[in-house]
Amino acid sequence: MIRIFTDGAAQGNPGPGGYGVVMKYKDAVKELSEGFRLTTNNRMELLAVIKGLEAIKKDGIPITIYSDSKYVVEAVEKGWIWGWQKKNFAKKANADLWQRYIPLHQKLKPKFVWIRGHAGHPENERCDYLAVKAAQSYTLLVDQWYEQNKNNSAAE
């Protein structure tokens, strides 16, 4: 089983943000993180999940994603994303990221587990550290979609 631990952070919401991912498969551990100059916490929470899934090289291995984001976990586990998709994500925040997530979900079929953030869970704490560090780095990327649509998109 592949276990993916994720977290997102934003210094201000919106503000500089980042995501952190810790992936575990057998004895292998891989960490991912990036920072963006202007984004939101929810975007970074969802992008962490997407980046973790995009990093998977083999199909057919069960995947469990551990996230402290009720926004992400409930949207998937309660099936909200399918209703949003039917309505073409009208008035939905982060439509670009949800549209990027859906094909990954359909291909890899991950399961989600919600974990309480900042509660001493080692991998969640590591993801939080990676996300915050990325948000504070000197080389922040541009969250292109967010910056172009922030005045027109649904509230976070």
N, C-alpha and C. Protein backbone atom coordinates (compact mmCIF):
# COMPACT_ATOMS: atom_id res chain seq x y z
N MET A 1 0.83 -1.18 0.00
CA MET A 1 0.00 0.00 0.00
C MET A 1 0.88 1.25 0.00
N ILE A 2 0.46 2.22 -0.81
CA ILE A 2 1.12 3.52 -0.81
C ILE A 2 0.35 4.41 0.16
N ARG A 3 1.09 5.02 1.07
CA ARG A 3 0.47 5.96 2.01
C ARG A 3 0.98 7.36 1.67
N ILE A 4 0.05 8.28 1.47
CA ILE A 4 0.39 9.66 1.12
C ILE A 4 -0.16 10.57 2.22
N PHE A 5 0.74 11.30 2.85
CA PHE A 5 0.37 12.26 3.88
C PHE A 5 0.52 13.65 3.27
N THR A 6 -0.47 14.52 3.49
CA THR A 6 -0.46 15.81 2.82
C THR A 6 -0.82 16.94 3.78
N ASP A 7 -0.35 18.13 3.46
CA ASP A 7 -0.77 19.33 4.18
C ASP A 7 -0.54 20.53 3.30
N GLY A 8 -1.34 21.56 3.52
CA GLY A 8 -1.19 22.82 2.83
C GLY A 8 -1.12 23.94 3.85
N ALA A 9 -0.52 25.05 3.45
CA ALA A 9 -0.39 26.20 4.34
C ALA A 9 -0.48 27.47 3.53
N ALA A 10 -1.01 28.51 4.16
CA ALA A 10 -0.99 29.84 3.56
C ALA A 10 -0.75 30.84 4.68
N GLN A 11 0.15 31.76 4.41
CA GLN A 11 0.46 32.81 5.37
C GLN A 11 -0.45 33.98 5.03
N GLY A 12 -1.60 34.01 5.66
CA GLY A 12 -2.67 34.88 5.21
C GLY A 12 -3.49 34.04 4.24
N ASN A 13 -4.73 34.38 4.07
CA ASN A 13 -5.56 33.52 3.22
C ASN A 13 -6.48 34.40 2.39
N PRO A 14 -6.04 34.92 1.24
CA PRO A 14 -4.86 34.49 0.48
C PRO A 14 -3.57 35.15 0.97
N GLY A 15 -2.49 34.53 0.52
CA GLY A 15 -1.14 35.00 0.83
C GLY A 15 -0.15 34.01 0.27
N PRO A 16 1.12 34.14 0.65
CA PRO A 16 2.10 33.13 0.25
C PRO A 16 1.69 31.78 0.84
N GLY A 17 1.83 30.73 0.05
CA GLY A 17 1.42 29.42 0.52
C GLY A 17 2.31 28.32 0.00
N GLY A 18 2.09 27.13 0.54
CA GLY A 18 2.87 25.99 0.10
C GLY A 18 2.17 24.70 0.47
N TYR A 19 2.69 23.62 -0.09
CA TYR A 19 2.17 22.30 0.26
C TYR A 19 3.34 21.40 0.65
N GLY A 20 3.03 20.37 1.41
CA GLY A 20 4.01 19.36 1.78
C GLY A 20 3.39 17.98 1.64
N VAL A 21 4.18 17.04 1.15
CA VAL A 21 3.72 15.68 0.94
C VAL A 21 4.81 14.72 1.44
N VAL A 22 4.40 13.71 2.17
CA VAL A 22 5.27 12.61 2.54
C VAL A 22 4.62 11.35 1.99
N MET A 23 5.36 10.64 1.13
CA MET A 23 4.86 9.41 0.52
C MET A 23 5.65 8.23 1.06
N LYS A 24 4.95 7.17 1.40
CA LYS A 24 5.60 5.97 1.93
C LYS A 24 5.11 4.74 1.16
N TYR A 25 6.07 3.96 0.70
CA TYR A 25 5.77 2.68 0.04
C TYR A 25 6.87 1.71 0.43
N LYS A 26 6.50 0.64 1.11
CA LYS A 26 7.46 -0.32 1.66
C LYS A 26 8.48 0.46 2.49
N ASP A 27 9.77 0.39 2.15
CA ASP A 27 10.79 1.11 2.92
C ASP A 27 11.12 2.47 2.33
N ALA A 28 10.52 2.80 1.22
CA ALA A 28 10.84 4.07 0.54
C ALA A 28 10.00 5.22 1.10
N VAL A 29 10.65 6.37 1.24
CA VAL A 29 9.98 7.60 1.66
C VAL A 29 10.38 8.70 0.69
N LYS A 30 9.36 9.43 0.22
CA LYS A 30 9.62 10.54 -0.71
C LYS A 30 8.89 11.76 -0.17
N GLU A 31 9.56 12.91 -0.22
CA GLU A 31 8.94 14.15 0.22
C GLU A 31 8.86 15.12 -0.96
N LEU A 32 7.75 15.86 -1.01
CA LEU A 32 7.52 16.85 -2.06
C LEU A 32 7.05 18.15 -1.40
N SER A 33 7.46 19.28 -1.95
CA SER A 33 6.93 20.56 -1.49
C SER A 33 7.24 21.64 -2.51
N GLU A 34 6.38 22.64 -2.56
CA GLU A 34 6.58 23.83 -3.39
C GLU A 34 5.85 24.98 -2.73
N GLY A 35 6.33 26.20 -2.99
CA GLY A 35 5.69 27.39 -2.45
C GLY A 35 5.21 28.29 -3.56
N PHE A 36 4.15 29.06 -3.27
CA PHE A 36 3.54 29.96 -4.24
C PHE A 36 3.37 31.35 -3.62
N ARG A 37 3.52 32.39 -4.44
CA ARG A 37 3.54 33.75 -3.90
C ARG A 37 2.17 34.25 -3.46
N LEU A 38 1.09 33.76 -4.08
CA LEU A 38 -0.25 34.17 -3.70
C LEU A 38 -1.21 33.03 -3.97
N THR A 39 -1.81 32.51 -2.90
CA THR A 39 -2.70 31.36 -3.02
C THR A 39 -3.54 31.27 -1.75
N THR A 40 -4.25 30.16 -1.59
CA THR A 40 -5.06 29.96 -0.38
C THR A 40 -4.72 28.61 0.25
N ASN A 41 -5.11 28.48 1.50
CA ASN A 41 -4.87 27.23 2.22
C ASN A 41 -5.58 26.06 1.53
N ASN A 42 -6.84 26.23 1.16
CA ASN A 42 -7.58 25.13 0.54
C ASN A 42 -6.93 24.71 -0.79
N ARG A 43 -6.43 25.66 -1.56
CA ARG A 43 -5.75 25.31 -2.82
C ARG A 43 -4.51 24.47 -2.52
N MET A 44 -3.78 24.83 -1.49
CA MET A 44 -2.56 24.10 -1.17
C MET A 44 -2.87 22.72 -0.60
N GLU A 45 -3.95 22.59 0.17
CA GLU A 45 -4.37 21.28 0.68
C GLU A 45 -4.68 20.34 -0.49
N LEU A 46 -5.43 20.85 -1.46
CA LEU A 46 -5.82 20.04 -2.62
C LEU A 46 -4.64 19.78 -3.54
N LEU A 47 -3.79 20.78 -3.75
CA LEU A 47 -2.63 20.59 -4.61
C LEU A 47 -1.67 19.55 -4.03
N ALA A 48 -1.56 19.49 -2.71
CA ALA A 48 -0.71 18.47 -2.07
C ALA A 48 -1.18 17.07 -2.46
N VAL A 49 -2.48 16.85 -2.41
CA VAL A 49 -3.05 15.54 -2.79
C VAL A 49 -2.76 15.26 -4.26
N ILE A 50 -2.98 16.25 -5.12
CA ILE A 50 -2.75 16.08 -6.56
C ILE A 50 -1.29 15.74 -6.83
N LYS A 51 -0.37 16.48 -6.22
CA LYS A 51 1.06 16.26 -6.47
C LYS A 51 1.49 14.87 -5.98
N GLY A 52 0.94 14.44 -4.85
CA GLY A 52 1.24 13.10 -4.37
C GLY A 52 0.78 12.04 -5.35
N LEU A 53 -0.45 12.17 -5.84
CA LEU A 53 -0.98 11.20 -6.80
C LEU A 53 -0.22 11.25 -8.13
N GLU A 54 0.15 12.43 -8.57
CA GLU A 54 0.89 12.56 -9.83
C GLU A 54 2.28 11.93 -9.75
N ALA A 55 2.81 11.81 -8.54
CA ALA A 55 4.15 11.24 -8.36
C ALA A 55 4.16 9.71 -8.38
N ILE A 56 2.99 9.08 -8.37
CA ILE A 56 2.91 7.62 -8.37
C ILE A 56 3.26 7.09 -9.75
N LYS A 57 4.18 6.14 -9.78
CA LYS A 57 4.69 5.60 -11.05
C LYS A 57 4.01 4.31 -11.47
N LYS A 58 3.43 3.56 -10.52
CA LYS A 58 2.83 2.26 -10.82
C LYS A 58 1.34 2.28 -10.56
N ASP A 59 0.59 1.66 -11.44
CA ASP A 59 -0.85 1.50 -11.24
C ASP A 59 -1.11 0.22 -10.45
N GLY A 60 -2.30 0.13 -9.88
CA GLY A 60 -2.74 -1.11 -9.27
C GLY A 60 -2.33 -1.30 -7.82
N ILE A 61 -1.67 -0.33 -7.22
CA ILE A 61 -1.29 -0.44 -5.81
C ILE A 61 -2.31 0.36 -5.00
N PRO A 62 -2.88 -0.23 -3.95
CA PRO A 62 -3.84 0.52 -3.13
C PRO A 62 -3.17 1.78 -2.55
N ILE A 63 -3.95 2.87 -2.52
CA ILE A 63 -3.44 4.15 -2.05
C ILE A 63 -4.36 4.68 -0.96
N THR A 64 -3.76 5.12 0.13
CA THR A 64 -4.50 5.82 1.18
C THR A 64 -3.86 7.18 1.37
N ILE A 65 -4.71 8.20 1.35
CA ILE A 65 -4.26 9.58 1.55
C ILE A 65 -4.72 10.03 2.93
N TYR A 66 -3.77 10.56 3.70
CA TYR A 66 -4.04 11.07 5.04
C TYR A 66 -3.95 12.59 4.98
N SER A 67 -5.04 13.26 5.29
CA SER A 67 -5.10 14.72 5.19
C SER A 67 -5.82 15.30 6.40
N ASP A 68 -5.39 16.49 6.81
CA ASP A 68 -6.10 17.18 7.89
C ASP A 68 -7.12 18.18 7.33
N SER A 69 -7.35 18.11 6.03
CA SER A 69 -8.28 19.03 5.38
C SER A 69 -9.66 18.39 5.23
N LYS A 70 -10.61 18.83 6.04
CA LYS A 70 -11.98 18.33 5.89
C LYS A 70 -12.54 18.74 4.53
N TYR A 71 -12.12 19.91 4.04
CA TYR A 71 -12.55 20.38 2.72
C TYR A 71 -12.26 19.33 1.66
N VAL A 72 -11.04 18.82 1.62
CA VAL A 72 -10.65 17.84 0.61
C VAL A 72 -11.24 16.47 0.91
N VAL A 73 -11.07 16.00 2.11
CA VAL A 73 -11.51 14.65 2.47
C VAL A 73 -13.02 14.49 2.28
N GLU A 74 -13.79 15.44 2.78
CA GLU A 74 -15.25 15.32 2.67
C GLU A 74 -15.73 15.51 1.24
N ALA A 75 -15.09 16.39 0.48
CA ALA A 75 -15.50 16.59 -0.92
C ALA A 75 -15.39 15.29 -1.70
N VAL A 76 -14.36 14.50 -1.41
CA VAL A 76 -14.17 13.24 -2.12
C VAL A 76 -14.99 12.12 -1.47
N GLU A 77 -14.83 11.92 -0.19
CA GLU A 77 -15.48 10.79 0.48
C GLU A 77 -17.00 10.91 0.50
N LYS A 78 -17.53 12.11 0.54
CA LYS A 78 -18.98 12.30 0.53
C LYS A 78 -19.52 12.49 -0.89
N GLY A 79 -18.62 12.47 -1.87
CA GLY A 79 -19.04 12.51 -3.27
C GLY A 79 -19.45 13.88 -3.79
N TRP A 80 -19.16 14.93 -3.04
CA TRP A 80 -19.56 16.27 -3.48
C TRP A 80 -18.96 16.63 -4.83
N ILE A 81 -17.73 16.15 -5.10
CA ILE A 81 -17.06 16.54 -6.35
C ILE A 81 -17.85 16.10 -7.58
N TRP A 82 -18.61 15.02 -7.47
CA TRP A 82 -19.35 14.54 -8.64
C TRP A 82 -20.53 15.46 -8.95
N GLY A 83 -21.15 15.99 -7.93
CA GLY A 83 -22.21 16.99 -8.14
C GLY A 83 -21.65 18.27 -8.71
N TRP A 84 -20.49 18.68 -8.19
CA TRP A 84 -19.83 19.89 -8.70
C TRP A 84 -19.46 19.71 -10.16
N GLN A 85 -18.97 18.51 -10.48
CA GLN A 85 -18.56 18.22 -11.86
C GLN A 85 -19.78 18.30 -12.80
N LYS A 86 -20.92 17.73 -12.37
CA LYS A 86 -22.13 17.76 -13.20
C LYS A 86 -22.56 19.20 -13.51
N LYS A 87 -22.29 20.10 -12.56
CA LYS A 87 -22.65 21.51 -12.75
C LYS A 87 -21.46 22.30 -13.32
N ASN A 88 -20.47 21.58 -13.84
CA ASN A 88 -19.29 22.20 -14.43
C ASN A 88 -18.59 23.15 -13.46
N PHE A 89 -18.62 22.81 -12.17
CA PHE A 89 -17.95 23.56 -11.11
C PHE A 89 -18.40 25.02 -11.05
N ALA A 90 -19.65 25.28 -11.47
CA ALA A 90 -20.18 26.64 -11.44
C ALA A 90 -20.11 27.20 -10.02
N LYS A 91 -19.53 28.36 -9.89
CA LYS A 91 -19.41 29.07 -8.62
C LYS A 91 -18.68 28.27 -7.55
N LYS A 92 -17.80 27.37 -7.95
CA LYS A 92 -17.02 26.58 -7.02
C LYS A 92 -15.58 27.08 -7.01
N ALA A 93 -15.05 27.25 -5.82
CA ALA A 93 -13.64 27.62 -5.68
C ALA A 93 -12.78 26.45 -6.14
N ASN A 94 -11.64 26.76 -6.69
CA ASN A 94 -10.62 25.77 -7.03
C ASN A 94 -11.06 24.79 -8.12
N ALA A 95 -11.92 25.24 -9.01
CA ALA A 95 -12.41 24.38 -10.09
C ALA A 95 -11.25 23.78 -10.89
N ASP A 96 -10.22 24.58 -11.14
CA ASP A 96 -9.08 24.09 -11.92
C ASP A 96 -8.41 22.89 -11.25
N LEU A 97 -8.27 22.95 -9.94
CA LEU A 97 -7.61 21.86 -9.22
C LEU A 97 -8.51 20.63 -9.12
N TRP A 98 -9.80 20.84 -8.90
CA TRP A 98 -10.71 19.69 -8.85
C TRP A 98 -10.75 18.98 -10.20
N GLN A 99 -10.72 19.75 -11.29
CA GLN A 99 -10.71 19.14 -12.62
C GLN A 99 -9.41 18.39 -12.86
N ARG A 100 -8.34 18.82 -12.27
CA ARG A 100 -7.05 18.11 -12.36
C ARG A 100 -7.07 16.86 -11.49
N TYR A 101 -7.77 16.93 -10.35
CA TYR A 101 -7.82 15.80 -9.42
C TYR A 101 -8.67 14.64 -9.96
N ILE A 102 -9.81 14.93 -10.55
CA ILE A 102 -10.78 13.89 -10.92
C ILE A 102 -10.19 12.76 -11.77
N PRO A 103 -9.43 13.03 -12.84
CA PRO A 103 -8.86 11.91 -13.60
C PRO A 103 -7.89 11.05 -12.77
N LEU A 104 -7.18 11.68 -11.85
CA LEU A 104 -6.29 10.93 -10.96
C LEU A 104 -7.10 10.02 -10.05
N HIS A 105 -8.19 10.54 -9.54
CA HIS A 105 -9.07 9.75 -8.67
C HIS A 105 -9.64 8.56 -9.44
N GLN A 106 -10.10 8.82 -10.66
CA GLN A 106 -10.70 7.75 -11.46
C GLN A 106 -9.68 6.67 -11.82
N LYS A 107 -8.45 7.07 -12.05
CA LYS A 107 -7.40 6.12 -12.42
C LYS A 107 -6.86 5.35 -11.20
N LEU A 108 -6.58 6.06 -10.10
CA LEU A 108 -5.87 5.47 -8.97
C LEU A 108 -6.77 5.05 -7.81
N LYS A 109 -7.99 5.56 -7.76
CA LYS A 109 -8.98 5.20 -6.75
C LYS A 109 -8.46 5.26 -5.30
N PRO A 110 -7.92 6.41 -4.90
CA PRO A 110 -7.40 6.49 -3.53
C PRO A 110 -8.52 6.51 -2.49
N LYS A 111 -8.18 6.05 -1.31
CA LYS A 111 -9.07 6.18 -0.16
C LYS A 111 -8.52 7.32 0.69
N PHE A 112 -9.39 8.00 1.41
CA PHE A 112 -8.97 9.12 2.24
C PHE A 112 -9.21 8.83 3.71
N VAL A 113 -8.30 9.32 4.53
CA VAL A 113 -8.45 9.26 5.97
C VAL A 113 -8.19 10.67 6.50
N TRP A 114 -9.16 11.21 7.23
CA TRP A 114 -8.96 12.52 7.85
C TRP A 114 -8.21 12.33 9.16
N ILE A 115 -7.19 13.17 9.37
CA ILE A 115 -6.46 13.17 10.63
C ILE A 115 -6.46 14.59 11.19
N ARG A 116 -6.48 14.70 12.48
CA ARG A 116 -6.47 16.02 13.12
C ARG A 116 -5.11 16.67 12.93
N GLY A 117 -5.12 17.90 12.45
CA GLY A 117 -3.87 18.64 12.26
C GLY A 117 -3.30 19.15 13.57
N HIS A 118 -2.01 19.32 13.61
CA HIS A 118 -1.31 19.87 14.77
C HIS A 118 -1.61 19.07 16.03
N ALA A 119 -1.71 17.76 15.88
CA ALA A 119 -2.04 16.89 17.02
C ALA A 119 -0.92 15.89 17.29
N GLY A 120 0.27 16.15 16.77
CA GLY A 120 1.41 15.29 17.05
C GLY A 120 1.57 14.11 16.12
N HIS A 121 0.77 14.02 15.07
CA HIS A 121 0.93 12.93 14.09
C HIS A 121 2.23 13.19 13.33
N PRO A 122 3.23 12.29 13.43
CA PRO A 122 4.57 12.58 12.89
C PRO A 122 4.59 12.98 11.40
N GLU A 123 3.89 12.23 10.57
CA GLU A 123 3.92 12.56 9.14
C GLU A 123 3.16 13.85 8.85
N ASN A 124 2.06 14.09 9.56
CA ASN A 124 1.32 15.34 9.37
C ASN A 124 2.16 16.53 9.83
N GLU A 125 2.87 16.37 10.91
CA GLU A 125 3.75 17.45 11.39
C GLU A 125 4.85 17.72 10.37
N ARG A 126 5.39 16.67 9.78
CA ARG A 126 6.43 16.83 8.76
C ARG A 126 5.86 17.55 7.52
N CYS A 127 4.67 17.16 7.10
CA CYS A 127 4.03 17.82 5.96
C CYS A 127 3.79 19.30 6.25
N ASP A 128 3.34 19.59 7.46
CA ASP A 128 3.11 20.98 7.86
C ASP A 128 4.42 21.76 7.80
N TYR A 129 5.48 21.17 8.31
CA TYR A 129 6.80 21.82 8.26
C TYR A 129 7.21 22.10 6.81
N LEU A 130 7.06 21.10 5.94
CA LEU A 130 7.42 21.27 4.53
C LEU A 130 6.58 22.35 3.86
N ALA A 131 5.29 22.38 4.15
CA ALA A 131 4.39 23.36 3.54
C ALA A 131 4.73 24.78 3.99
N VAL A 132 4.95 24.96 5.28
CA VAL A 132 5.27 26.29 5.81
C VAL A 132 6.63 26.75 5.30
N LYS A 133 7.60 25.85 5.31
CA LYS A 133 8.93 26.19 4.81
C LYS A 133 8.86 26.60 3.32
N ALA A 134 8.08 25.87 2.54
CA ALA A 134 7.93 26.19 1.12
C ALA A 134 7.28 27.56 0.95
N ALA A 135 6.28 27.86 1.78
CA ALA A 135 5.58 29.15 1.69
C ALA A 135 6.50 30.32 2.05
N GLN A 136 7.53 30.04 2.85
CA GLN A 136 8.45 31.08 3.30
C GLN A 136 9.73 31.15 2.47
N SER A 137 9.81 30.34 1.42
CA SER A 137 11.04 30.32 0.64
C SER A 137 11.18 31.58 -0.20
N TYR A 138 12.37 31.79 -0.71
CA TYR A 138 12.64 32.98 -1.51
C TYR A 138 12.28 32.80 -2.98
N THR A 139 12.03 31.58 -3.38
CA THR A 139 11.70 31.31 -4.78
C THR A 139 10.28 30.76 -4.85
N LEU A 140 9.32 31.65 -4.79
CA LEU A 140 7.92 31.24 -4.82
C LEU A 140 7.40 31.23 -6.25
N LEU A 141 6.65 30.19 -6.57
CA LEU A 141 6.04 30.04 -7.89
C LEU A 141 4.78 30.89 -7.99
N VAL A 142 4.27 31.03 -9.18
CA VAL A 142 3.02 31.76 -9.40
C VAL A 142 1.89 30.73 -9.53
N ASP A 143 0.88 30.87 -8.68
CA ASP A 143 -0.33 30.07 -8.80
C ASP A 143 -1.17 30.76 -9.87
N GLN A 144 -0.85 30.45 -11.11
CA GLN A 144 -1.36 31.16 -12.29
C GLN A 144 -2.88 31.29 -12.30
N TRP A 145 -3.57 30.17 -12.13
CA TRP A 145 -5.02 30.19 -12.21
C TRP A 145 -5.60 31.08 -11.11
N TYR A 146 -5.08 30.94 -9.90
CA TYR A 146 -5.61 31.72 -8.79
C TYR A 146 -5.40 33.22 -9.02
N GLU A 147 -4.20 33.59 -9.41
CA GLU A 147 -3.91 35.01 -9.59
C GLU A 147 -4.73 35.61 -10.74
N GLN A 148 -5.01 34.84 -11.77
CA GLN A 148 -5.79 35.35 -12.90
C GLN A 148 -7.28 35.41 -12.58
N ASN A 149 -7.75 34.57 -11.66
CA ASN A 149 -9.19 34.44 -11.41
C ASN A 149 -9.64 34.85 -10.01
N LYS A 150 -8.73 35.34 -9.19
CA LYS A 150 -9.07 35.58 -7.78
C LYS A 150 -10.23 36.54 -7.60
N ASN A 151 -10.40 37.46 -8.50
CA ASN A 151 -11.50 38.41 -8.37
C ASN A 151 -12.84 37.85 -8.88
N ASN A 152 -12.77 36.78 -9.64
CA ASN A 152 -13.99 36.19 -10.23
C ASN A 152 -14.39 34.87 -9.59
N SER A 153 -13.49 34.27 -8.79
CA SER A 153 -13.76 32.92 -8.30
C SER A 153 -14.59 32.95 -7.02
N ALA A 154 -15.18 31.82 -6.72
CA ALA A 154 -15.99 31.67 -5.50
C ALA A 154 -15.10 31.85 -4.28
N ALA A 155 -15.67 32.27 -3.21
CA ALA A 155 -14.92 32.49 -1.97
C ALA A 155 -14.36 31.18 -1.45
N GLU A 156 -13.24 31.29 -0.81
CA GLU A 156 -12.60 30.10 -0.22
C GLU A 156 -13.33 29.70 1.04
